[in-house]
Amino acid sequence: IPGWLPIIVITVIGALLIGLVAFFRQSGS
């Protein structure tokens, strides 16, 4: 497994989570 692969995966998942949180906050309030 390349050393940079976990970094990319964590970055993508983190970006998706932040996007979902921002979306739900905006639609909720």
N, C-alpha and C. Protein backbone atom coordinates (compact mmCIF):
# COMPACT_ATOMS: atom_id res chain seq x y z
N ILE A 1 0.86 -1.20 0.00
CA ILE A 1 0.00 0.00 0.00
C ILE A 1 0.89 1.25 0.00
N PRO A 2 0.69 2.14 -0.95
CA PRO A 2 1.49 3.38 -0.98
C PRO A 2 1.25 4.22 0.27
N GLY A 3 2.27 4.96 0.69
CA GLY A 3 2.16 5.73 1.92
C GLY A 3 1.20 6.90 1.82
N TRP A 4 0.95 7.37 0.59
CA TRP A 4 0.09 8.55 0.42
C TRP A 4 -1.38 8.18 0.32
N LEU A 5 -1.66 6.88 0.16
CA LEU A 5 -3.06 6.48 -0.04
C LEU A 5 -3.94 6.79 1.17
N PRO A 6 -3.53 6.43 2.39
CA PRO A 6 -4.37 6.76 3.56
C PRO A 6 -4.59 8.26 3.71
N ILE A 7 -3.61 9.06 3.33
CA ILE A 7 -3.76 10.51 3.44
C ILE A 7 -4.87 10.99 2.51
N ILE A 8 -4.88 10.49 1.29
CA ILE A 8 -5.91 10.90 0.32
C ILE A 8 -7.29 10.43 0.80
N VAL A 9 -7.36 9.21 1.30
CA VAL A 9 -8.64 8.67 1.77
C VAL A 9 -9.18 9.51 2.92
N ILE A 10 -8.32 9.82 3.89
CA ILE A 10 -8.75 10.61 5.05
C ILE A 10 -9.17 12.01 4.60
N THR A 11 -8.44 12.58 3.65
CA THR A 11 -8.79 13.92 3.16
C THR A 11 -10.15 13.92 2.48
N VAL A 12 -10.40 12.92 1.63
CA VAL A 12 -11.68 12.84 0.92
C VAL A 12 -12.83 12.63 1.90
N ILE A 13 -12.66 11.69 2.84
CA ILE A 13 -13.72 11.42 3.81
C ILE A 13 -13.96 12.65 4.68
N GLY A 14 -12.90 13.31 5.09
CA GLY A 14 -13.04 14.52 5.91
C GLY A 14 -13.78 15.61 5.16
N ALA A 15 -13.45 15.78 3.88
CA ALA A 15 -14.11 16.81 3.08
C ALA A 15 -15.60 16.49 2.93
N LEU A 16 -15.92 15.21 2.72
CA LEU A 16 -17.32 14.81 2.59
C LEU A 16 -18.07 15.07 3.88
N LEU A 17 -17.47 14.73 5.01
CA LEU A 17 -18.12 14.94 6.31
C LEU A 17 -18.36 16.43 6.55
N ILE A 18 -17.36 17.26 6.26
CA ILE A 18 -17.51 18.70 6.46
C ILE A 18 -18.61 19.23 5.54
N GLY A 19 -18.65 18.75 4.32
CA GLY A 19 -19.69 19.19 3.38
C GLY A 19 -21.08 18.79 3.85
N LEU A 20 -21.21 17.57 4.37
CA LEU A 20 -22.51 17.11 4.86
C LEU A 20 -22.94 17.92 6.07
N VAL A 21 -22.02 18.16 7.00
CA VAL A 21 -22.35 18.94 8.20
C VAL A 21 -22.79 20.35 7.81
N ALA A 22 -22.05 20.98 6.90
CA ALA A 22 -22.41 22.33 6.47
C ALA A 22 -23.77 22.32 5.78
N PHE A 23 -24.03 21.28 4.98
CA PHE A 23 -25.30 21.21 4.25
C PHE A 23 -26.46 21.04 5.22
N PHE A 24 -26.32 20.15 6.20
CA PHE A 24 -27.40 19.92 7.16
C PHE A 24 -27.61 21.14 8.06
N ARG A 25 -26.53 21.82 8.40
CA ARG A 25 -26.66 23.04 9.22
C ARG A 25 -27.41 24.12 8.45
N GLN A 26 -27.10 24.23 7.16
CA GLN A 26 -27.74 25.27 6.36
C GLN A 26 -29.22 24.95 6.13
N SER A 27 -29.53 23.69 5.90
CA SER A 27 -30.92 23.31 5.64
C SER A 27 -31.72 23.22 6.93
N GLY A 28 -31.03 22.91 8.04
CA GLY A 28 -31.73 22.77 9.32
C GLY A 28 -32.16 24.11 9.88
N SER A 29 -31.28 25.10 9.80
CA SER A 29 -31.60 26.41 10.37
C SER A 29 -31.73 27.45 9.25
